Amino acid sequence: MSDQDTTPTPQKWDYTSNRQNLITGGMVVGGNLLVILIYLLYRTVPSVHEFISGKPL
């Protein structure tokens, strides 16, 4: 055997937890849903369109 076989490999630490991944994923999904909702309101509701663009639909 060589020395390379007996030397331990350094520990690779993962500082993210399952809860952090769940929170981050939830924020991404929530943000995407918010963008889709605002877009749909912008395209269909005249007062929202006028508020965002300043021009009537």
Protein backbone atom coordinates (compact mmCIF):
# COMPACT_ATOMS: atom_id res chain seq x y z
CA MET A 1 0.00 0.00 0.00
CA SER A 2 1.10 3.53 -0.65
CA ASP A 3 0.77 6.51 1.68
CA GLN A 4 -2.03 7.91 -0.47
CA ASP A 5 -4.34 5.04 0.48
CA THR A 6 -4.08 5.68 4.22
CA THR A 7 -4.31 9.49 4.33
CA PRO A 8 -7.81 10.70 5.22
CA THR A 9 -9.52 13.05 2.85
CA PRO A 10 -10.43 16.45 4.30
CA GLN A 11 -14.04 16.86 5.41
CA LYS A 12 -16.16 18.96 3.06
CA TRP A 13 -18.60 20.93 5.19
CA ASP A 14 -22.07 21.81 3.99
CA TYR A 15 -23.40 24.80 5.88
CA THR A 16 -26.88 24.68 4.37
CA SER A 17 -29.61 22.78 6.16
CA ASN A 18 -32.70 21.14 4.76
CA ARG A 19 -34.80 23.89 6.38
CA GLN A 20 -32.78 26.64 4.68
CA ASN A 21 -33.23 24.95 1.31
CA LEU A 22 -36.98 24.69 1.91
CA ILE A 23 -37.23 28.38 2.86
CA THR A 24 -35.16 29.50 -0.12
CA GLY A 25 -37.15 27.34 -2.52
CA GLY A 26 -40.41 28.65 -1.07
CA MET A 27 -39.25 32.23 -1.53
CA VAL A 28 -38.31 31.57 -5.17
CA VAL A 29 -41.65 29.90 -5.92
CA GLY A 30 -43.55 32.65 -4.09
CA GLY A 31 -41.68 35.35 -6.02
CA ASN A 32 -42.44 33.67 -9.33
CA LEU A 33 -46.14 33.40 -8.44
CA LEU A 34 -46.17 37.07 -7.48
CA VAL A 35 -44.66 38.07 -10.85
CA ILE A 36 -47.22 35.94 -12.72
CA LEU A 37 -50.09 37.43 -10.70
CA ILE A 38 -48.94 41.01 -11.33
CA TYR A 39 -48.55 40.27 -15.05
CA LEU A 40 -52.03 38.78 -15.30
CA LEU A 41 -53.54 41.73 -13.45
CA TYR A 42 -51.57 44.12 -15.68
CA ARG A 43 -52.97 42.48 -18.82
CA THR A 44 -56.60 42.11 -17.67
CA VAL A 45 -57.47 44.85 -15.14
CA PRO A 46 -57.53 48.36 -16.64
CA SER A 47 -56.88 50.17 -13.34
CA VAL A 48 -53.79 48.05 -12.60
CA HIS A 49 -52.49 48.63 -16.13
CA GLU A 50 -52.98 52.36 -15.76
CA PHE A 51 -51.31 52.37 -12.33
CA ILE A 52 -48.20 50.55 -13.62
CA SER A 53 -47.79 52.11 -17.06
CA GLY A 54 -49.55 55.45 -16.63
CA LYS A 55 -51.55 54.84 -19.82
CA PRO A 56 -55.08 53.51 -20.17
CA LEU A 57 -55.52 49.96 -21.44
